[in-house]
Amino acid sequence: MAEIKRIQVSIPEDLEPQYVNVAYITHTASEFLMDFVTMLPGVTQPKVNTRLILSPLAMKLLQRALNENIKRFEDKFGEIKVPHGSTLADELFRGTNPPEGE
């Protein structure tokens, strides 16, 4: 089996973190697009502040990494409760509109 090598990644000092609480995910046959938005009270037309474009393989690997990290988090801090509503999307994205042109 091939040896897994860690990649050294540097974070630029001027990188501005973005808080996001809304995500829109779309796809084509060759890529996934994820648009992230910060929805705040009183903001009627929030703008996408981050867009990620991933290959299907990269999206699958991201999904795996997210699942593994959520499991570690829940093992340490307890289950993350998901709100109940007519659908999860309705509960999470109530009152928002998808980005223009999507």
PDB file of N, CA and C in Angstrom:
ATOM      1  N   MET A   1       0.839  -1.181   0.000  1.00  0.00           N
ATOM      2  CA  MET A   1       0.000   0.000   0.000  1.00  0.00           C
ATOM      3  C   MET A   1       0.884   1.244   0.000  1.00  0.00           C
ATOM      4  N   ALA A   2       0.497   2.259  -0.747  1.00  0.00           N
ATOM      5  CA  ALA A   2       1.282   3.482  -0.859  1.00  0.00           C
ATOM      6  C   ALA A   2       1.277   4.258   0.450  1.00  0.00           C
ATOM      7  N   GLU A   3       2.411   4.871   0.739  1.00  0.00           N
ATOM      8  CA  GLU A   3       2.541   5.675   1.949  1.00  0.00           C
ATOM      9  C   GLU A   3       1.800   6.995   1.759  1.00  0.00           C
ATOM     10  N   ILE A   4       1.038   7.411   2.777  1.00  0.00           N
ATOM     11  CA  ILE A   4       0.305   8.677   2.715  1.00  0.00           C
ATOM     12  C   ILE A   4       1.223   9.770   3.233  1.00  0.00           C
ATOM     13  N   LYS A   5       1.427  10.804   2.412  1.00  0.00           N
ATOM     14  CA  LYS A   5       2.285  11.916   2.792  1.00  0.00           C
ATOM     15  C   LYS A   5       1.421  13.113   3.179  1.00  0.00           C
ATOM     16  N   ARG A   6       1.766  13.742   4.274  1.00  0.00           N
ATOM     17  CA  ARG A   6       1.060  14.946   4.724  1.00  0.00           C
ATOM     18  C   ARG A   6       1.569  16.140   3.921  1.00  0.00           C
ATOM     19  N   ILE A   7       0.644  17.008   3.545  1.00  0.00           N
ATOM     20  CA  ILE A   7       0.992  18.217   2.810  1.00  0.00           C
ATOM     21  C   ILE A   7       1.070  19.372   3.800  1.00  0.00           C
ATOM     22  N   GLN A   8       2.145  20.127   3.739  1.00  0.00           N
ATOM     23  CA  GLN A   8       2.289  21.305   4.578  1.00  0.00           C
ATOM     24  C   GLN A   8       1.508  22.445   3.931  1.00  0.00           C
ATOM     25  N   VAL A   9       0.524  22.967   4.642  1.00  0.00           N
ATOM     26  CA  VAL A   9      -0.315  24.054   4.136  1.00  0.00           C
ATOM     27  C   VAL A   9      -0.085  25.266   5.021  1.00  0.00           C
ATOM     28  N   SER A  10       0.097  26.416   4.399  1.00  0.00           N
ATOM     29  CA  SER A  10       0.246  27.640   5.190  1.00  0.00           C
ATOM     30  C   SER A  10      -1.020  28.483   5.025  1.00  0.00           C
ATOM     31  N   ILE A  11      -1.387  29.167   6.100  1.00  0.00           N
ATOM     32  CA  ILE A  11      -2.548  30.038   6.080  1.00  0.00           C
ATOM     33  C   ILE A  11      -2.044  31.476   6.047  1.00  0.00           C
ATOM     34  N   PRO A  12      -2.419  32.230   5.007  1.00  0.00           N
ATOM     35  CA  PRO A  12      -1.955  33.619   4.923  1.00  0.00           C
ATOM     36  C   PRO A  12      -2.391  34.430   6.151  1.00  0.00           C
ATOM     37  N   GLU A  13      -1.523  35.292   6.622  1.00  0.00           N
ATOM     38  CA  GLU A  13      -1.828  36.095   7.812  1.00  0.00           C
ATOM     39  C   GLU A  13      -3.025  37.006   7.590  1.00  0.00           C
ATOM     40  N   ASP A  14      -3.252  37.441   6.344  1.00  0.00           N
ATOM     41  CA  ASP A  14      -4.352  38.373   6.071  1.00  0.00           C
ATOM     42  C   ASP A  14      -5.649  37.659   5.649  1.00  0.00           C
ATOM     43  N   LEU A  15      -5.698  36.337   5.777  1.00  0.00           N
ATOM     44  CA  LEU A  15      -6.903  35.593   5.431  1.00  0.00           C
ATOM     45  C   LEU A  15      -8.030  35.969   6.379  1.00  0.00           C
ATOM     46  N   GLU A  16      -9.172  36.372   5.827  1.00  0.00           N
ATOM     47  CA  GLU A  16     -10.313  36.747   6.652  1.00  0.00           C
ATOM     48  C   GLU A  16     -11.282  35.579   6.743  1.00  0.00           C
ATOM     49  N   PRO A  17     -11.512  35.056   7.943  1.00  0.00           N
ATOM     50  CA  PRO A  17     -12.485  33.976   8.089  1.00  0.00           C
ATOM     51  C   PRO A  17     -13.884  34.484   7.784  1.00  0.00           C
ATOM     52  N   GLN A  18     -14.730  33.612   7.274  1.00  0.00           N
ATOM     53  CA  GLN A  18     -16.112  33.957   6.971  1.00  0.00           C
ATOM     54  C   GLN A  18     -17.036  33.071   7.797  1.00  0.00           C
ATOM     55  N   TYR A  19     -17.944  33.677   8.550  1.00  0.00           N
ATOM     56  CA  TYR A  19     -18.980  32.912   9.236  1.00  0.00           C
ATOM     57  C   TYR A  19     -20.098  32.687   8.231  1.00  0.00           C
ATOM     58  N   VAL A  20     -20.538  31.456   8.094  1.00  0.00           N
ATOM     59  CA  VAL A  20     -21.646  31.157   7.184  1.00  0.00           C
ATOM     60  C   VAL A  20     -22.686  30.329   7.927  1.00  0.00           C
ATOM     61  N   ASN A  21     -23.953  30.591   7.604  1.00  0.00           N
ATOM     62  CA  ASN A  21     -25.022  29.813   8.209  1.00  0.00           C
ATOM     63  C   ASN A  21     -26.069  29.381   7.185  1.00  0.00           C
ATOM     64  N   VAL A  22     -25.780  29.619   5.917  1.00  0.00           N
ATOM     65  CA  VAL A  22     -26.637  29.161   4.822  1.00  0.00           C
ATOM     66  C   VAL A  22     -25.731  28.657   3.707  1.00  0.00           C
ATOM     67  N   ALA A  23     -26.089  27.525   3.125  1.00  0.00           N
ATOM     68  CA  ALA A  23     -25.323  26.975   2.004  1.00  0.00           C
ATOM     69  C   ALA A  23     -26.274  26.530   0.907  1.00  0.00           C
ATOM     70  N   TYR A  24     -25.904  26.819  -0.321  1.00  0.00           N
ATOM     71  CA  TYR A  24     -26.627  26.337  -1.493  1.00  0.00           C
ATOM     72  C   TYR A  24     -25.679  25.421  -2.254  1.00  0.00           C
ATOM     73  N   ILE A  25     -26.125  24.224  -2.553  1.00  0.00           N
ATOM     74  CA  ILE A  25     -25.273  23.263  -3.245  1.00  0.00           C
ATOM     75  C   ILE A  25     -25.964  22.852  -4.536  1.00  0.00           C
ATOM     76  N   THR A  26     -25.253  23.013  -5.650  1.00  0.00           N
ATOM     77  CA  THR A  26     -25.747  22.592  -6.956  1.00  0.00           C
ATOM     78  C   THR A  26     -24.646  21.786  -7.624  1.00  0.00           C
ATOM     79  N   HIS A  27     -24.986  21.160  -8.747  1.00  0.00           N
ATOM     80  CA  HIS A  27     -23.965  20.374  -9.437  1.00  0.00           C
ATOM     81  C   HIS A  27     -24.279  20.254 -10.918  1.00  0.00           C
ATOM     82  N   THR A  28     -23.231  19.969 -11.646  1.00  0.00           N
ATOM     83  CA  THR A  28     -23.323  19.582 -13.048  1.00  0.00           C
ATOM     84  C   THR A  28     -22.764  18.165 -13.119  1.00  0.00           C
ATOM     85  N   ALA A  29     -22.629  17.639 -14.312  1.00  0.00           N
ATOM     86  CA  ALA A  29     -22.057  16.299 -14.453  1.00  0.00           C
ATOM     87  C   ALA A  29     -20.586  16.267 -14.041  1.00  0.00           C
ATOM     88  N   SER A  30     -19.917  17.417 -14.053  1.00  0.00           N
ATOM     89  CA  SER A  30     -18.473  17.417 -13.814  1.00  0.00           C
ATOM     90  C   SER A  30     -18.015  18.177 -12.576  1.00  0.00           C
ATOM     91  N   GLU A  31     -18.940  18.865 -11.863  1.00  0.00           N
ATOM     92  CA  GLU A  31     -18.498  19.638 -10.710  1.00  0.00           C
ATOM     93  C   GLU A  31     -19.649  19.907  -9.742  1.00  0.00           C
ATOM     94  N   PHE A  32     -19.280  20.150  -8.492  1.00  0.00           N
ATOM     95  CA  PHE A  32     -20.222  20.600  -7.469  1.00  0.00           C
ATOM     96  C   PHE A  32     -19.896  22.051  -7.176  1.00  0.00           C
ATOM     97  N   LEU A  33     -20.923  22.873  -7.011  1.00  0.00           N
ATOM     98  CA  LEU A  33     -20.755  24.265  -6.617  1.00  0.00           C
ATOM     99  C   LEU A  33     -21.411  24.446  -5.260  1.00  0.00           C
ATOM    100  N   MET A  34     -20.674  25.041  -4.338  1.00  0.00           N
ATOM    101  CA  MET A  34     -21.210  25.327  -3.017  1.00  0.00           C
ATOM    102  C   MET A  34     -21.072  26.821  -2.768  1.00  0.00           C
ATOM    103  N   ASP A  35     -22.216  27.478  -2.593  1.00  0.00           N
ATOM    104  CA  ASP A  35     -22.259  28.905  -2.284  1.00  0.00           C
ATOM    105  C   ASP A  35     -22.611  29.062  -0.816  1.00  0.00           C
ATOM    106  N   PHE A  36     -21.842  29.887  -0.110  1.00  0.00           N
ATOM    107  CA  PHE A  36     -22.043  30.102   1.313  1.00  0.00           C
ATOM    108  C   PHE A  36     -22.443  31.546   1.567  1.00  0.00           C
ATOM    109  N   VAL A  37     -23.389  31.721   2.492  1.00  0.00           N
ATOM    110  CA  VAL A  37     -23.986  33.022   2.782  1.00  0.00           C
ATOM    111  C   VAL A  37     -24.024  33.210   4.295  1.00  0.00           C
ATOM    112  N   THR A  38     -23.898  34.463   4.728  1.00  0.00           N
ATOM    113  CA  THR A  38     -24.130  34.808   6.121  1.00  0.00           C
ATOM    114  C   THR A  38     -25.478  35.500   6.193  1.00  0.00           C
ATOM    115  N   MET A  39     -26.442  34.839   6.833  1.00  0.00           N
ATOM    116  CA  MET A  39     -27.777  35.404   7.003  1.00  0.00           C
ATOM    117  C   MET A  39     -27.869  36.014   8.387  1.00  0.00           C
ATOM    118  N   LEU A  40     -28.125  37.324   8.433  1.00  0.00           N
ATOM    119  CA  LEU A  40     -28.225  38.032   9.705  1.00  0.00           C
ATOM    120  C   LEU A  40     -29.591  38.701   9.812  1.00  0.00           C
ATOM    121  N   PRO A  41     -30.084  38.897  11.028  1.00  0.00           N
ATOM    122  CA  PRO A  41     -31.366  39.590  11.188  1.00  0.00           C
ATOM    123  C   PRO A  41     -31.330  40.965  10.539  1.00  0.00           C
ATOM    124  N   GLY A  42     -32.394  41.296   9.837  1.00  0.00           N
ATOM    125  CA  GLY A  42     -32.485  42.608   9.194  1.00  0.00           C
ATOM    126  C   GLY A  42     -31.861  42.684   7.815  1.00  0.00           C
ATOM    127  N   VAL A  43     -31.098  41.693   7.423  1.00  0.00           N
ATOM    128  CA  VAL A  43     -30.493  41.694   6.088  1.00  0.00           C
ATOM    129  C   VAL A  43     -31.481  41.019   5.156  1.00  0.00           C
ATOM    130  N   THR A  44     -32.018  41.792   4.201  1.00  0.00           N
ATOM    131  CA  THR A  44     -33.056  41.248   3.325  1.00  0.00           C
ATOM    132  C   THR A  44     -32.498  40.604   2.066  1.00  0.00           C
ATOM    133  N   GLN A  45     -31.309  41.012   1.642  1.00  0.00           N
ATOM    134  CA  GLN A  45     -30.704  40.411   0.459  1.00  0.00           C
ATOM    135  C   GLN A  45     -29.238  40.088   0.720  1.00  0.00           C
ATOM    136  N   PRO A  46     -28.998  39.011   1.473  1.00  0.00           N
ATOM    137  CA  PRO A  46     -27.601  38.653   1.752  1.00  0.00           C
ATOM    138  C   PRO A  46     -26.896  38.198   0.484  1.00  0.00           C
ATOM    139  N   LYS A  47     -25.588  38.386   0.455  1.00  0.00           N
ATOM    140  CA  LYS A  47     -24.786  38.008  -0.712  1.00  0.00           C
ATOM    141  C   LYS A  47     -23.923  36.793  -0.405  1.00  0.00           C
ATOM    142  N   VAL A  48     -23.668  36.018  -1.442  1.00  0.00           N
ATOM    143  CA  VAL A  48     -22.734  34.906  -1.319  1.00  0.00           C
ATOM    144  C   VAL A  48     -21.374  35.497  -0.966  1.00  0.00           C
ATOM    145  N   ASN A  49     -20.738  34.971   0.097  1.00  0.00           N
ATOM    146  CA  ASN A  49     -19.410  35.482   0.440  1.00  0.00           C
ATOM    147  C   ASN A  49     -18.304  34.493   0.118  1.00  0.00           C
ATOM    148  N   THR A  50     -18.678  33.250  -0.174  1.00  0.00           N
ATOM    149  CA  THR A  50     -17.679  32.244  -0.524  1.00  0.00           C
ATOM    150  C   THR A  50     -18.299  31.258  -1.498  1.00  0.00           C
ATOM    151  N   ARG A  51     -17.568  30.916  -2.552  1.00  0.00           N
ATOM    152  CA  ARG A  51     -18.012  29.896  -3.509  1.00  0.00           C
ATOM    153  C   ARG A  51     -16.895  28.877  -3.662  1.00  0.00           C
ATOM    154  N   LEU A  52     -17.251  27.604  -3.491  1.00  0.00           N
ATOM    155  CA  LEU A  52     -16.309  26.519  -3.715  1.00  0.00           C
ATOM    156  C   LEU A  52     -16.765  25.729  -4.926  1.00  0.00           C
ATOM    157  N   ILE A  53     -15.832  25.336  -5.757  1.00  0.00           N
ATOM    158  CA  ILE A  53     -16.122  24.482  -6.906  1.00  0.00           C
ATOM    159  C   ILE A  53     -15.237  23.255  -6.758  1.00  0.00           C
ATOM    160  N   LEU A  54     -15.873  22.088  -6.684  1.00  0.00           N
ATOM    161  CA  LEU A  54     -15.142  20.846  -6.452  1.00  0.00           C
ATOM    162  C   LEU A  54     -15.486  19.814  -7.507  1.00  0.00           C
ATOM    163  N   SER A  55     -14.521  18.958  -7.809  1.00  0.00           N
ATOM    164  CA  SER A  55     -14.785  17.811  -8.671  1.00  0.00           C
ATOM    165  C   SER A  55     -15.654  16.831  -7.877  1.00  0.00           C
ATOM    166  N   PRO A  56     -16.352  15.916  -8.563  1.00  0.00           N
ATOM    167  CA  PRO A  56     -17.130  14.914  -7.820  1.00  0.00           C
ATOM    168  C   PRO A  56     -16.270  14.117  -6.832  1.00  0.00           C
ATOM    169  N   LEU A  57     -15.051  13.756  -7.212  1.00  0.00           N
ATOM    170  CA  LEU A  57     -14.175  13.030  -6.298  1.00  0.00           C
ATOM    171  C   LEU A  57     -13.837  13.884  -5.080  1.00  0.00           C
ATOM    172  N   ALA A  58     -13.492  15.150  -5.295  1.00  0.00           N
ATOM    173  CA  ALA A  58     -13.171  16.033  -4.175  1.00  0.00           C
ATOM    174  C   ALA A  58     -14.381  16.202  -3.258  1.00  0.00           C
ATOM    175  N   MET A  59     -15.570  16.274  -3.829  1.00  0.00           N
ATOM    176  CA  MET A  59     -16.788  16.415  -3.017  1.00  0.00           C
ATOM    177  C   MET A  59     -17.002  15.162  -2.170  1.00  0.00           C
ATOM    178  N   LYS A  60     -16.798  13.996  -2.761  1.00  0.00           N
ATOM    179  CA  LYS A  60     -16.962  12.739  -2.027  1.00  0.00           C
ATOM    180  C   LYS A  60     -15.951  12.650  -0.883  1.00  0.00           C
ATOM    181  N   LEU A  61     -14.712  13.063  -1.140  1.00  0.00           N
ATOM    182  CA  LEU A  61     -13.688  13.048  -0.098  1.00  0.00           C
ATOM    183  C   LEU A  61     -13.990  14.076   0.990  1.00  0.00           C
ATOM    184  N   LEU A  62     -14.527  15.232   0.593  1.00  0.00           N
ATOM    185  CA  LEU A  62     -14.931  16.237   1.577  1.00  0.00           C
ATOM    186  C   LEU A  62     -16.061  15.685   2.442  1.00  0.00           C
ATOM    187  N   GLN A  63     -17.027  15.019   1.819  1.00  0.00           N
ATOM    188  CA  GLN A  63     -18.127  14.410   2.565  1.00  0.00           C
ATOM    189  C   GLN A  63     -17.582  13.419   3.594  1.00  0.00           C
ATOM    190  N   ARG A  64     -16.643  12.598   3.186  1.00  0.00           N
ATOM    191  CA  ARG A  64     -16.047  11.617   4.096  1.00  0.00           C
ATOM    192  C   ARG A  64     -15.348  12.322   5.263  1.00  0.00           C
ATOM    193  N   ALA A  65     -14.580  13.375   4.955  1.00  0.00           N
ATOM    194  CA  ALA A  65     -13.864  14.108   6.005  1.00  0.00           C
ATOM    195  C   ALA A  65     -14.848  14.784   6.958  1.00  0.00           C
ATOM    196  N   LEU A  66     -15.923  15.346   6.418  1.00  0.00           N
ATOM    197  CA  LEU A  66     -16.934  15.976   7.272  1.00  0.00           C
ATOM    198  C   LEU A  66     -17.597  14.950   8.184  1.00  0.00           C
ATOM    199  N   ASN A  67     -17.978  13.809   7.620  1.00  0.00           N
ATOM    200  CA  ASN A  67     -18.602  12.752   8.426  1.00  0.00           C
ATOM    201  C   ASN A  67     -17.680  12.288   9.548  1.00  0.00           C
ATOM    202  N   GLU A  68     -16.398  12.089   9.235  1.00  0.00           N
ATOM    203  CA  GLU A  68     -15.442  11.649  10.252  1.00  0.00           C
ATOM    204  C   GLU A  68     -15.291  12.699  11.354  1.00  0.00           C
ATOM    205  N   ASN A  69     -15.244  13.976  10.963  1.00  0.00           N
ATOM    206  CA  ASN A  69     -15.079  15.035  11.951  1.00  0.00           C
ATOM    207  C   ASN A  69     -16.329  15.253  12.789  1.00  0.00           C
ATOM    208  N   ILE A  70     -17.504  15.108  12.193  1.00  0.00           N
ATOM    209  CA  ILE A  70     -18.745  15.211  12.967  1.00  0.00           C
ATOM    210  C   ILE A  70     -18.799  14.085  13.994  1.00  0.00           C
ATOM    211  N   LYS A  71     -18.403  12.885  13.584  1.00  0.00           N
ATOM    212  CA  LYS A  71     -18.395  11.753  14.528  1.00  0.00           C
ATOM    213  C   LYS A  71     -17.447  12.033  15.692  1.00  0.00           C
ATOM    214  N   ARG A  72     -16.248  12.534  15.403  1.00  0.00           N
ATOM    215  CA  ARG A  72     -15.289  12.855  16.471  1.00  0.00           C
ATOM    216  C   ARG A  72     -15.856  13.915  17.416  1.00  0.00           C
ATOM    217  N   PHE A  73     -16.489  14.944  16.816  1.00  0.00           N
ATOM    218  CA  PHE A  73     -17.085  16.012  17.608  1.00  0.00           C
ATOM    219  C   PHE A  73     -18.159  15.456  18.535  1.00  0.00           C
ATOM    220  N   GLU A  74     -19.067  14.639  17.972  1.00  0.00           N
ATOM    221  CA  GLU A  74     -20.160  14.088  18.774  1.00  0.00           C
ATOM    222  C   GLU A  74     -19.661  13.111  19.831  1.00  0.00           C
ATOM    223  N   ASP A  75     -18.615  12.369  19.525  1.00  0.00           N
ATOM    224  CA  ASP A  75     -18.028  11.472  20.525  1.00  0.00           C
ATOM    225  C   ASP A  75     -17.504  12.265  21.715  1.00  0.00           C
ATOM    226  N   LYS A  76     -16.995  13.450  21.450  1.00  0.00           N
ATOM    227  CA  LYS A  76     -16.400  14.272  22.506  1.00  0.00           C
ATOM    228  C   LYS A  76     -17.427  15.159  23.216  1.00  0.00           C
ATOM    229  N   PHE A  77     -18.354  15.764  22.445  1.00  0.00           N
ATOM    230  CA  PHE A  77     -19.252  16.775  23.000  1.00  0.00           C
ATOM    231  C   PHE A  77     -20.725  16.375  23.040  1.00  0.00           C
ATOM    232  N   GLY A  78     -21.072  15.242  22.463  1.00  0.00           N
ATOM    233  CA  GLY A  78     -22.471  14.823  22.438  1.00  0.00           C
ATOM    234  C   GLY A  78     -23.103  15.065  21.077  1.00  0.00           C
ATOM    235  N   GLU A  79     -24.264  14.474  20.902  1.00  0.00           N
ATOM    236  CA  GLU A  79     -24.964  14.526  19.613  1.00  0.00           C
ATOM    237  C   GLU A  79     -25.369  15.950  19.239  1.00  0.00           C
ATOM    238  N   ILE A  80     -25.189  16.280  17.978  1.00  0.00           N
ATOM    239  CA  ILE A  80     -25.668  17.547  17.431  1.00  0.00           C
ATOM    240  C   ILE A  80     -27.135  17.330  17.069  1.00  0.00           C
ATOM    241  N   LYS A  81     -28.018  18.085  17.687  1.00  0.00           N
ATOM    242  CA  LYS A  81     -29.451  17.934  17.442  1.00  0.00           C
ATOM    243  C   LYS A  81     -29.846  18.683  16.167  1.00  0.00           C
ATOM    244  N   VAL A  82     -30.529  17.987  15.279  1.00  0.00           N
ATOM    245  CA  VAL A  82     -31.014  18.585  14.034  1.00  0.00           C
ATOM    246  C   VAL A  82     -32.464  18.996  14.255  1.00  0.00           C
ATOM    247  N   PRO A  83     -32.824  20.265  13.926  1.00  0.00           N
ATOM    248  CA  PRO A  83     -34.205  20.703  14.133  1.00  0.00           C
ATOM    249  C   PRO A  83     -35.177  19.902  13.273  1.00  0.00           C
ATOM    250  N   HIS A  84     -36.407  19.747  13.774  1.00  0.00           N
ATOM    251  CA  HIS A  84     -37.438  19.023  13.036  1.00  0.00           C
ATOM    252  C   HIS A  84     -38.407  20.021  12.418  1.00  0.00           C
ATOM    253  N   GLY A  85     -38.784  19.785  11.176  1.00  0.00           N
ATOM    254  CA  GLY A  85     -39.749  20.616  10.474  1.00  0.00           C
ATOM    255  C   GLY A  85     -40.281  19.824   9.311  1.00  0.00           C
ATOM    256  N   SER A  86     -40.942  20.500   8.386  1.00  0.00           N
ATOM    257  CA  SER A  86     -41.477  19.762   7.250  1.00  0.00           C
ATOM    258  C   SER A  86     -40.347  19.102   6.464  1.00  0.00           C
ATOM    259  N   THR A  87     -39.241  19.806   6.292  1.00  0.00           N
ATOM    260  CA  THR A  87     -38.020  19.211   5.748  1.00  0.00           C
ATOM    261  C   THR A  87     -36.840  19.919   6.398  1.00  0.00           C
ATOM    262  N   LEU A  88     -35.692  19.300   6.387  1.00  0.00           N
ATOM    263  CA  LEU A  88     -34.500  19.928   6.941  1.00  0.00           C
ATOM    264  C   LEU A  88     -34.185  21.220   6.197  1.00  0.00           C
ATOM    265  N   ALA A  89     -34.306  21.208   4.870  1.00  0.00           N
ATOM    266  CA  ALA A  89     -34.027  22.415   4.077  1.00  0.00           C
ATOM    267  C   ALA A  89     -34.967  23.549   4.471  1.00  0.00           C
ATOM    268  N   ASP A  90     -36.263  23.249   4.680  1.00  0.00           N
ATOM    269  CA  ASP A  90     -37.211  24.282   5.101  1.00  0.00           C
ATOM    270  C   ASP A  90     -36.785  24.889   6.431  1.00  0.00           C
ATOM    271  N   GLU A  91     -36.357  24.035   7.353  1.00  0.00           N
ATOM    272  CA  GLU A  91     -35.979  24.497   8.683  1.00  0.00           C
ATOM    273  C   GLU A  91     -34.714  25.354   8.636  1.00  0.00           C
ATOM    274  N   LEU A  92     -33.737  24.921   7.848  1.00  0.00           N
ATOM    275  CA  LEU A  92     -32.461  25.632   7.804  1.00  0.00           C
ATOM    276  C   LEU A  92     -32.513  26.894   6.966  1.00  0.00           C
ATOM    277  N   PHE A  93     -33.296  26.872   5.884  1.00  0.00           N
ATOM    278  CA  PHE A  93     -33.228  27.968   4.917  1.00  0.00           C
ATOM    279  C   PHE A  93     -34.522  28.764   4.826  1.00  0.00           C
ATOM    280  N   ARG A  94     -35.358  28.684   5.829  1.00  0.00           N
ATOM    281  CA  ARG A  94     -36.614  29.426   5.831  1.00  0.00           C
ATOM    282  C   ARG A  94     -36.354  30.907   5.629  1.00  0.00           C
ATOM    283  N   GLY A  95     -37.085  31.507   4.691  1.00  0.00           N
ATOM    284  CA  GLY A  95     -36.983  32.950   4.477  1.00  0.00           C
ATOM    285  C   GLY A  95     -35.813  33.389   3.638  1.00  0.00           C
ATOM    286  N   THR A  96     -35.111  32.459   3.008  1.00  0.00           N
ATOM    287  CA  THR A  96     -33.998  32.856   2.150  1.00  0.00           C
ATOM    288  C   THR A  96     -34.341  32.500   0.715  1.00  0.00           C
ATOM    289  N   ASN A  97     -33.683  33.173  -0.197  1.00  0.00           N
ATOM    290  CA  ASN A  97     -33.849  32.901  -1.613  1.00  0.00           C
ATOM    291  C   ASN A  97     -32.517  32.468  -2.174  1.00  0.00           C
ATOM    292  N   PRO A  98     -32.491  31.527  -3.146  1.00  0.00           N
ATOM    293  CA  PRO A  98     -31.222  31.128  -3.729  1.00  0.00           C
ATOM    294  C   PRO A  98     -30.537  32.305  -4.411  1.00  0.00           C
ATOM    295  N   PRO A  99     -29.215  32.255  -4.545  1.00  0.00           N
ATOM    296  CA  PRO A  99     -28.486  33.329  -5.209  1.00  0.00           C
ATOM    297  C   PRO A  99     -28.983  33.524  -6.630  1.00  0.00           C
ATOM    298  N   GLU A 100     -28.967  34.781  -7.083  1.00  0.00           N
ATOM    299  CA  GLU A 100     -29.405  35.073  -8.443  1.00  0.00           C
ATOM    300  C   GLU A 100     -28.546  34.319  -9.455  1.00  0.00           C
ATOM    301  N   GLY A 101     -29.186  33.834 -10.517  1.00  0.00           N
ATOM    302  CA  GLY A 101     -28.463  33.148 -11.582  1.00  0.00           C
ATOM    303  C   GLY A 101     -28.187  31.692 -11.287  1.00  0.00           C
ATOM    304  N   GLU A 102     -28.661  31.185 -10.167  1.00  0.00           N
ATOM    305  CA  GLU A 102     -28.418  29.772  -9.819  1.00  0.00           C
ATOM    306  C   GLU A 102     -29.628  28.963 -10.168  1.00  0.00           C
TER     307      GLU A 102
END
